[in-house]
Amino acid sequence: MFSVVMCCNRDDGFLFKAIESVLEQSYSDFEFVIVLNRCTDQLYESVVAIDDLRIVLLRTEIGQLSFNLNVGVNAAKGKYIVRFDADDVCHVDRLKKTCELIEENPDLDMLAGSCRLIDEAGTITGSRILQSEDWRRKLKYNNPFIHPAMVIKRDLILANKGYLGGYQSEDYDLWIRLSKVEGLKCVFTGFPMIDYRISAFQSKGSRLAYSEVASYFFREFLIRPDLQSFIGLFLTSLKAFFRSKK
């Protein structure tokens, strides 16, 4: 039922803890698609050495996240794609809880999970608890989802052309395009699916990321000029200039 998809091109000291947290799930019926991209032979061999038949290991020479996510989603066999990043930690009951929520909501298309926040040492520093909301409306203000805590139907991703753009904001582009899918059912949960790591290696909040998101709203505004797209373009442009990290 589940394909956990994770991409990685280097180990910042967190990778093997991340892999371990997936393999130690209390719900064991899943495959774990790992896409190593533009990585060293040493890193590749170290992951190859992990003895677990649930791992599907792929390797590419294109070091760009959206491309490699598409590689992983394309290779996945599960009905649901469980996103995960190589510097985070999965809650041991993440997949068990996901299964329960899908059983309660059989027409679910996306599951938006919450998270705890951790620092580089793994110390819990806070949390981000998601609640049911009009996520389409919220998109123009900020990202309503935690990408590595998301579960999305594989067919939904494929039907909407996969991950299309962005060096650092590929998920935001996907949310904007999925927001136009009629009847899409997204379920929010306060369950902390992952420990989301805040570290110096992240690109979150960079000028490039905000600029990319502004370009998505500009695209949408040119396709169909409306107030929502204009507000999104205006706000993300301001963030690129005044709130971003260089």
C-alpha atoms as a PDB file:
ATOM      1  CA  MET A   1       0.000   0.000   0.000  1.00  0.00           C
ATOM      2  CA  PHE A   2       2.790   2.451   0.932  1.00  0.00           C
ATOM      3  CA  SER A   3       5.939   3.560  -0.840  1.00  0.00           C
ATOM      4  CA  VAL A   4       8.168   5.743   1.302  1.00  0.00           C
ATOM      5  CA  VAL A   5      10.148   7.971  -1.091  1.00  0.00           C
ATOM      6  CA  MET A   6      13.334   9.700   0.046  1.00  0.00           C
ATOM      7  CA  CYS A   7      16.014  11.464  -2.011  1.00  0.00           C
ATOM      8  CA  CYS A   8      19.537  12.236  -0.871  1.00  0.00           C
ATOM      9  CA  ASN A   9      22.793  13.477  -2.427  1.00  0.00           C
ATOM     10  CA  ARG A  10      24.962  13.743   0.684  1.00  0.00           C
ATOM     11  CA  ASP A  11      25.060  12.750   4.325  1.00  0.00           C
ATOM     12  CA  ASP A  12      25.098  15.694   6.701  1.00  0.00           C
ATOM     13  CA  GLY A  13      25.259  13.312   9.630  1.00  0.00           C
ATOM     14  CA  PHE A  14      21.554  12.501   9.768  1.00  0.00           C
ATOM     15  CA  LEU A  15      20.966  10.082   6.883  1.00  0.00           C
ATOM     16  CA  PHE A  16      21.354   6.732   8.608  1.00  0.00           C
ATOM     17  CA  LYS A  17      19.214   7.795  11.573  1.00  0.00           C
ATOM     18  CA  ALA A  18      16.533   8.770   9.040  1.00  0.00           C
ATOM     19  CA  ILE A  19      16.773   5.409   7.257  1.00  0.00           C
ATOM     20  CA  GLU A  20      16.691   3.538  10.555  1.00  0.00           C
ATOM     21  CA  SER A  21      13.520   5.376  11.608  1.00  0.00           C
ATOM     22  CA  VAL A  22      11.746   4.137   8.464  1.00  0.00           C
ATOM     23  CA  LEU A  23      12.939   0.550   8.729  1.00  0.00           C
ATOM     24  CA  GLU A  24      11.875   0.363  12.393  1.00  0.00           C
ATOM     25  CA  GLN A  25       8.233   1.286  11.703  1.00  0.00           C
ATOM     26  CA  SER A  26       5.654  -0.607  13.746  1.00  0.00           C
ATOM     27  CA  TYR A  27       3.742  -1.194  10.475  1.00  0.00           C
ATOM     28  CA  SER A  28       6.045  -3.209   8.253  1.00  0.00           C
ATOM     29  CA  ASP A  29       4.186  -3.703   4.940  1.00  0.00           C
ATOM     30  CA  PHE A  30       5.832  -1.051   2.767  1.00  0.00           C
ATOM     31  CA  GLU A  31       8.648  -0.425   0.326  1.00  0.00           C
ATOM     32  CA  PHE A  32      11.320   2.195   0.895  1.00  0.00           C
ATOM     33  CA  VAL A  33      12.429   3.891  -2.323  1.00  0.00           C
ATOM     34  CA  ILE A  34      15.728   5.707  -1.822  1.00  0.00           C
ATOM     35  CA  VAL A  35      17.027   7.816  -4.699  1.00  0.00           C
ATOM     36  CA  LEU A  36      20.690   8.733  -4.305  1.00  0.00           C
ATOM     37  CA  ASN A  37      21.619  11.503  -6.696  1.00  0.00           C
ATOM     38  CA  ARG A  38      24.963  13.026  -7.586  1.00  0.00           C
ATOM     39  CA  CYS A  39      26.424  11.291  -4.538  1.00  0.00           C
ATOM     40  CA  THR A  40      29.822   9.808  -3.852  1.00  0.00           C
ATOM     41  CA  ASP A  41      30.531   6.141  -4.463  1.00  0.00           C
ATOM     42  CA  GLN A  42      31.278   5.820  -0.758  1.00  0.00           C
ATOM     43  CA  LEU A  43      27.801   7.020   0.210  1.00  0.00           C
ATOM     44  CA  TYR A  44      26.177   4.757  -2.369  1.00  0.00           C
ATOM     45  CA  GLU A  45      28.078   1.688  -1.152  1.00  0.00           C
ATOM     46  CA  SER A  46      27.211   2.441   2.469  1.00  0.00           C
ATOM     47  CA  VAL A  47      23.486   2.454   1.643  1.00  0.00           C
ATOM     48  CA  VAL A  48      23.808  -0.645  -0.572  1.00  0.00           C
ATOM     49  CA  ALA A  49      25.238  -2.436   2.464  1.00  0.00           C
ATOM     50  CA  ILE A  50      21.991  -2.027   4.430  1.00  0.00           C
ATOM     51  CA  ASP A  51      20.393  -5.467   4.472  1.00  0.00           C
ATOM     52  CA  ASP A  52      16.647  -4.954   4.141  1.00  0.00           C
ATOM     53  CA  LEU A  53      14.555  -6.309   1.272  1.00  0.00           C
ATOM     54  CA  ARG A  54      12.086  -3.423   1.557  1.00  0.00           C
ATOM     55  CA  ILE A  55      14.699  -0.979   0.242  1.00  0.00           C
ATOM     56  CA  VAL A  56      14.554  -0.110  -3.464  1.00  0.00           C
ATOM     57  CA  LEU A  57      17.791   1.755  -4.133  1.00  0.00           C
ATOM     58  CA  LEU A  58      18.128   3.963  -7.210  1.00  0.00           C
ATOM     59  CA  ARG A  59      20.931   6.230  -8.347  1.00  0.00           C
ATOM     60  CA  THR A  60      21.011   9.168 -10.754  1.00  0.00           C
ATOM     61  CA  GLU A  61      23.636  11.703 -11.768  1.00  0.00           C
ATOM     62  CA  ILE A  62      21.250  14.674 -11.773  1.00  0.00           C
ATOM     63  CA  GLY A  63      21.472  16.447  -8.430  1.00  0.00           C
ATOM     64  CA  GLN A  64      18.089  18.171  -8.480  1.00  0.00           C
ATOM     65  CA  LEU A  65      15.318  17.251  -6.056  1.00  0.00           C
ATOM     66  CA  SER A  66      12.192  17.494  -8.210  1.00  0.00           C
ATOM     67  CA  PHE A  67      13.769  15.303 -10.917  1.00  0.00           C
ATOM     68  CA  ASN A  68      14.748  12.653  -8.394  1.00  0.00           C
ATOM     69  CA  LEU A  69      11.390  12.738  -6.660  1.00  0.00           C
ATOM     70  CA  ASN A  70       9.834  11.951 -10.030  1.00  0.00           C
ATOM     71  CA  VAL A  71      12.272   9.054 -10.439  1.00  0.00           C
ATOM     72  CA  GLY A  72      11.230   7.726  -7.042  1.00  0.00           C
ATOM     73  CA  VAL A  73       7.492   8.179  -7.599  1.00  0.00           C
ATOM     74  CA  ASN A  74       7.737   6.555 -11.040  1.00  0.00           C
ATOM     75  CA  ALA A  75       9.516   3.503  -9.607  1.00  0.00           C
ATOM     76  CA  ALA A  76       7.190   3.196  -6.607  1.00  0.00           C
ATOM     77  CA  LYS A  77       4.682   0.359  -6.509  1.00  0.00           C
ATOM     78  CA  GLY A  78       2.512   1.592  -3.634  1.00  0.00           C
ATOM     79  CA  LYS A  79      -0.883   3.230  -3.940  1.00  0.00           C
ATOM     80  CA  TYR A  80       0.275   5.989  -1.594  1.00  0.00           C
ATOM     81  CA  ILE A  81       3.525   7.941  -1.672  1.00  0.00           C
ATOM     82  CA  VAL A  82       4.841   8.688   1.815  1.00  0.00           C
ATOM     83  CA  ARG A  83       7.260  11.592   1.548  1.00  0.00           C
ATOM     84  CA  PHE A  84      10.288  11.779   3.777  1.00  0.00           C
ATOM     85  CA  ASP A  85      13.562  13.693   3.899  1.00  0.00           C
ATOM     86  CA  ALA A  86      17.046  12.439   4.662  1.00  0.00           C
ATOM     87  CA  ASP A  87      17.613  14.685   7.686  1.00  0.00           C
ATOM     88  CA  ASP A  88      14.358  14.001   9.552  1.00  0.00           C
ATOM     89  CA  VAL A  89      13.164  11.184  11.809  1.00  0.00           C
ATOM     90  CA  CYS A  90       9.945   9.177  11.324  1.00  0.00           C
ATOM     91  CA  HIS A  91       7.700   8.547  14.311  1.00  0.00           C
ATOM     92  CA  VAL A  92       7.742   4.791  14.912  1.00  0.00           C
ATOM     93  CA  ASP A  93       3.951   4.644  14.400  1.00  0.00           C
ATOM     94  CA  ARG A  94       3.834   6.933  11.360  1.00  0.00           C
ATOM     95  CA  LEU A  95       2.717   4.280   8.882  1.00  0.00           C
ATOM     96  CA  LYS A  96       0.425   2.589  11.393  1.00  0.00           C
ATOM     97  CA  LYS A  97      -1.343   5.896  12.048  1.00  0.00           C
ATOM     98  CA  THR A  98      -1.476   6.612   8.322  1.00  0.00           C
ATOM     99  CA  CYS A  99      -3.122   3.241   7.699  1.00  0.00           C
ATOM    100  CA  GLU A 100      -5.723   3.937  10.397  1.00  0.00           C
ATOM    101  CA  LEU A 101      -6.564   7.348   8.921  1.00  0.00           C
ATOM    102  CA  ILE A 102      -6.922   5.902   5.423  1.00  0.00           C
ATOM    103  CA  GLU A 103      -9.266   3.206   6.764  1.00  0.00           C
ATOM    104  CA  GLU A 104     -11.344   5.976   8.360  1.00  0.00           C
ATOM    105  CA  ASN A 105     -11.237   8.047   5.151  1.00  0.00           C
ATOM    106  CA  PRO A 106     -11.150   5.606   2.207  1.00  0.00           C
ATOM    107  CA  ASP A 107     -11.644   8.438  -0.312  1.00  0.00           C
ATOM    108  CA  LEU A 108      -8.607  10.320   0.996  1.00  0.00           C
ATOM    109  CA  ASP A 109      -6.276  11.796  -1.655  1.00  0.00           C
ATOM    110  CA  MET A 110      -3.741  13.534   0.587  1.00  0.00           C
ATOM    111  CA  LEU A 111      -2.882  13.230   4.262  1.00  0.00           C
ATOM    112  CA  ALA A 112      -1.225  16.236   5.897  1.00  0.00           C
ATOM    113  CA  GLY A 113       0.755  15.241   8.963  1.00  0.00           C
ATOM    114  CA  SER A 114       2.062  17.361  11.816  1.00  0.00           C
ATOM    115  CA  CYS A 115       5.580  17.294  13.242  1.00  0.00           C
ATOM    116  CA  ARG A 116       7.826  17.959  16.178  1.00  0.00           C
ATOM    117  CA  LEU A 117      10.756  20.305  15.601  1.00  0.00           C
ATOM    118  CA  ILE A 118      14.269  19.179  16.484  1.00  0.00           C
ATOM    119  CA  ASP A 119      17.692  20.787  16.267  1.00  0.00           C
ATOM    120  CA  GLU A 120      20.902  19.363  14.840  1.00  0.00           C
ATOM    121  CA  ALA A 121      21.502  17.384  18.038  1.00  0.00           C
ATOM    122  CA  GLY A 122      18.019  15.848  17.885  1.00  0.00           C
ATOM    123  CA  THR A 123      16.686  17.873  20.826  1.00  0.00           C
ATOM    124  CA  ILE A 124      12.977  18.710  20.598  1.00  0.00           C
ATOM    125  CA  THR A 125      12.576  22.475  20.285  1.00  0.00           C
ATOM    126  CA  GLY A 126       8.893  22.826  19.434  1.00  0.00           C
ATOM    127  CA  SER A 127       6.158  21.509  17.198  1.00  0.00           C
ATOM    128  CA  ARG A 128       3.986  22.384  14.225  1.00  0.00           C
ATOM    129  CA  ILE A 129       0.471  21.035  14.628  1.00  0.00           C
ATOM    130  CA  LEU A 130      -1.712  21.162  11.518  1.00  0.00           C
ATOM    131  CA  GLN A 131      -5.469  21.567  11.754  1.00  0.00           C
ATOM    132  CA  SER A 132      -8.219  21.159   9.171  1.00  0.00           C
ATOM    133  CA  GLU A 133      -8.397  24.344   7.121  1.00  0.00           C
ATOM    134  CA  ASP A 134      -9.053  25.826   3.716  1.00  0.00           C
ATOM    135  CA  TRP A 135      -5.557  25.006   2.473  1.00  0.00           C
ATOM    136  CA  ARG A 136      -6.266  26.404  -0.994  1.00  0.00           C
ATOM    137  CA  ARG A 137      -6.928  29.839   0.472  1.00  0.00           C
ATOM    138  CA  LYS A 138      -3.899  29.640   2.767  1.00  0.00           C
ATOM    139  CA  LEU A 139      -1.551  28.851  -0.147  1.00  0.00           C
ATOM    140  CA  LYS A 140      -1.199  32.511  -1.099  1.00  0.00           C
ATOM    141  CA  TYR A 141       0.127  33.350   2.388  1.00  0.00           C
ATOM    142  CA  ASN A 142       2.407  30.413   3.178  1.00  0.00           C
ATOM    143  CA  ASN A 143       2.913  26.699   2.709  1.00  0.00           C
ATOM    144  CA  PRO A 144       0.001  24.889   4.419  1.00  0.00           C
ATOM    145  CA  PHE A 145       1.805  21.530   4.467  1.00  0.00           C
ATOM    146  CA  ILE A 146       4.950  19.894   5.817  1.00  0.00           C
ATOM    147  CA  HIS A 147       6.235  18.138   2.719  1.00  0.00           C
ATOM    148  CA  PRO A 148       8.204  15.284   4.405  1.00  0.00           C
ATOM    149  CA  ALA A 149       5.141  14.570   6.592  1.00  0.00           C
ATOM    150  CA  MET A 150       2.766  14.231   3.622  1.00  0.00           C
ATOM    151  CA  VAL A 151       1.081  11.177   2.106  1.00  0.00           C
ATOM    152  CA  ILE A 152      -0.247  11.553  -1.449  1.00  0.00           C
ATOM    153  CA  LYS A 153      -1.924   9.103  -3.808  1.00  0.00           C
ATOM    154  CA  ARG A 154       0.617   8.092  -6.429  1.00  0.00           C
ATOM    155  CA  ASP A 155      -1.936   8.325  -9.232  1.00  0.00           C
ATOM    156  CA  LEU A 156      -2.761  11.886  -8.182  1.00  0.00           C
ATOM    157  CA  ILE A 157       0.878  12.915  -8.542  1.00  0.00           C
ATOM    158  CA  LEU A 158       1.223  11.181 -11.896  1.00  0.00           C
ATOM    159  CA  ALA A 159      -2.047  12.591 -13.268  1.00  0.00           C
ATOM    160  CA  ASN A 160      -0.817  16.105 -12.494  1.00  0.00           C
ATOM    161  CA  LYS A 161       2.576  15.688 -14.182  1.00  0.00           C
ATOM    162  CA  GLY A 162       4.611  15.036 -11.072  1.00  0.00           C
ATOM    163  CA  TYR A 163       7.048  17.495  -9.565  1.00  0.00           C
ATOM    164  CA  LEU A 164       7.730  20.200 -12.126  1.00  0.00           C
ATOM    165  CA  GLY A 165       9.957  22.917 -10.834  1.00  0.00           C
ATOM    166  CA  GLY A 166      12.065  24.648  -8.292  1.00  0.00           C
ATOM    167  CA  TYR A 167      15.493  24.034  -6.870  1.00  0.00           C
ATOM    168  CA  GLN A 168      14.119  24.496  -3.365  1.00  0.00           C
ATOM    169  CA  SER A 169      10.321  24.765  -3.588  1.00  0.00           C
ATOM    170  CA  GLU A 170       9.117  21.831  -5.686  1.00  0.00           C
ATOM    171  CA  ASP A 171       6.375  21.005  -3.204  1.00  0.00           C
ATOM    172  CA  TYR A 172       4.799  24.480  -3.331  1.00  0.00           C
ATOM    173  CA  ASP A 173       4.439  24.231  -7.092  1.00  0.00           C
ATOM    174  CA  LEU A 174       2.710  20.864  -6.689  1.00  0.00           C
ATOM    175  CA  TRP A 175       0.288  22.237  -4.067  1.00  0.00           C
ATOM    176  CA  ILE A 176      -0.662  25.137  -6.351  1.00  0.00           C
ATOM    177  CA  ARG A 177      -1.427  22.778  -9.219  1.00  0.00           C
ATOM    178  CA  LEU A 178      -3.284  20.299  -7.000  1.00  0.00           C
ATOM    179  CA  SER A 179      -5.377  23.133  -5.569  1.00  0.00           C
ATOM    180  CA  LYS A 180      -7.147  23.249  -8.939  1.00  0.00           C
ATOM    181  CA  VAL A 181      -8.177  19.578  -8.804  1.00  0.00           C
ATOM    182  CA  GLU A 182     -11.902  19.430  -8.109  1.00  0.00           C
ATOM    183  CA  GLY A 183     -13.073  17.093  -5.382  1.00  0.00           C
ATOM    184  CA  LEU A 184      -9.602  16.465  -3.975  1.00  0.00           C
ATOM    185  CA  LYS A 185      -9.893  15.306  -0.365  1.00  0.00           C
ATOM    186  CA  CYS A 186      -7.134  16.301   2.033  1.00  0.00           C
ATOM    187  CA  VAL A 187      -7.245  15.099   5.630  1.00  0.00           C
ATOM    188  CA  PHE A 188      -5.239  16.890   8.322  1.00  0.00           C
ATOM    189  CA  THR A 189      -3.956  15.207  11.456  1.00  0.00           C
ATOM    190  CA  GLY A 190      -2.335  16.556  14.583  1.00  0.00           C
ATOM    191  CA  PHE A 191      -0.326  13.343  14.916  1.00  0.00           C
ATOM    192  CA  PRO A 192       3.429  14.149  14.754  1.00  0.00           C
ATOM    193  CA  MET A 193       4.404  11.983  11.772  1.00  0.00           C
ATOM    194  CA  ILE A 194       8.028  13.113  11.882  1.00  0.00           C
ATOM    195  CA  ASP A 195      10.646  14.990  13.833  1.00  0.00           C
ATOM    196  CA  TYR A 196      11.463  17.833  11.444  1.00  0.00           C
ATOM    197  CA  ARG A 197      15.080  18.903  11.750  1.00  0.00           C
ATOM    198  CA  ILE A 198      16.025  22.572  11.710  1.00  0.00           C
ATOM    199  CA  SER A 199      19.673  22.854  10.720  1.00  0.00           C
ATOM    200  CA  ALA A 200      22.203  25.050   8.980  1.00  0.00           C
ATOM    201  CA  PHE A 201      22.014  22.801   5.927  1.00  0.00           C
ATOM    202  CA  GLN A 202      18.434  23.774   5.078  1.00  0.00           C
ATOM    203  CA  SER A 203      17.401  26.056   2.232  1.00  0.00           C
ATOM    204  CA  LYS A 204      14.071  26.920   3.863  1.00  0.00           C
ATOM    205  CA  GLY A 205      13.391  30.658   3.806  1.00  0.00           C
ATOM    206  CA  SER A 206      16.068  31.476   1.226  1.00  0.00           C
ATOM    207  CA  ARG A 207      15.666  34.197  -1.376  1.00  0.00           C
ATOM    208  CA  LEU A 208      15.786  31.555  -4.118  1.00  0.00           C
ATOM    209  CA  ALA A 209      12.915  29.601  -2.526  1.00  0.00           C
ATOM    210  CA  TYR A 210      10.696  32.679  -2.146  1.00  0.00           C
ATOM    211  CA  SER A 211      11.554  33.819  -5.666  1.00  0.00           C
ATOM    212  CA  GLU A 212      10.565  30.453  -7.075  1.00  0.00           C
ATOM    213  CA  VAL A 213       7.214  30.545  -5.307  1.00  0.00           C
ATOM    214  CA  ALA A 214       6.627  34.086  -6.596  1.00  0.00           C
ATOM    215  CA  SER A 215       7.286  32.798 -10.113  1.00  0.00           C
ATOM    216  CA  TYR A 216       4.629  30.091  -9.676  1.00  0.00           C
ATOM    217  CA  PHE A 217       2.038  32.676  -8.698  1.00  0.00           C
ATOM    218  CA  PHE A 218       3.143  34.884 -11.605  1.00  0.00           C
ATOM    219  CA  ARG A 219       2.579  31.932 -13.940  1.00  0.00           C
ATOM    220  CA  GLU A 220      -0.882  31.366 -12.489  1.00  0.00           C
ATOM    221  CA  PHE A 221      -1.713  35.065 -12.753  1.00  0.00           C
ATOM    222  CA  LEU A 222      -0.739  35.123 -16.434  1.00  0.00           C
ATOM    223  CA  ILE A 223      -2.796  31.994 -17.129  1.00  0.00           C
ATOM    224  CA  ARG A 224      -5.870  33.221 -15.272  1.00  0.00           C
ATOM    225  CA  PRO A 225      -5.629  36.732 -13.825  1.00  0.00           C
ATOM    226  CA  ASP A 226      -7.425  36.814 -10.490  1.00  0.00           C
ATOM    227  CA  LEU A 227      -7.046  38.375  -7.067  1.00  0.00           C
ATOM    228  CA  GLN A 228      -5.822  35.185  -5.391  1.00  0.00           C
ATOM    229  CA  SER A 229      -2.854  34.763  -7.737  1.00  0.00           C
ATOM    230  CA  PHE A 230      -2.012  38.462  -7.505  1.00  0.00           C
ATOM    231  CA  ILE A 231      -2.010  38.390  -3.697  1.00  0.00           C
ATOM    232  CA  GLY A 232       0.223  35.313  -3.727  1.00  0.00           C
ATOM    233  CA  LEU A 233       2.606  36.954  -6.175  1.00  0.00           C
ATOM    234  CA  PHE A 234       2.714  40.185  -4.178  1.00  0.00           C
ATOM    235  CA  LEU A 235       3.263  38.574  -0.775  1.00  0.00           C
ATOM    236  CA  THR A 236       5.944  36.102  -1.873  1.00  0.00           C
ATOM    237  CA  SER A 237       7.769  38.851  -3.764  1.00  0.00           C
ATOM    238  CA  LEU A 238       7.862  40.916  -0.571  1.00  0.00           C
ATOM    239  CA  LYS A 239       9.205  37.916   1.339  1.00  0.00           C
ATOM    240  CA  ALA A 240      11.933  37.429  -1.269  1.00  0.00           C
ATOM    241  CA  PHE A 241      13.148  40.974  -0.682  1.00  0.00           C
ATOM    242  CA  PHE A 242      12.584  41.508   3.033  1.00  0.00           C
ATOM    243  CA  ARG A 243      12.313  38.167   4.869  1.00  0.00           C
ATOM    244  CA  SER A 244      14.641  35.835   3.018  1.00  0.00           C
ATOM    245  CA  LYS A 245      18.031  34.478   3.916  1.00  0.00           C
ATOM    246  CA  LYS A 246      20.575  35.372   1.264  1.00  0.00           C
END
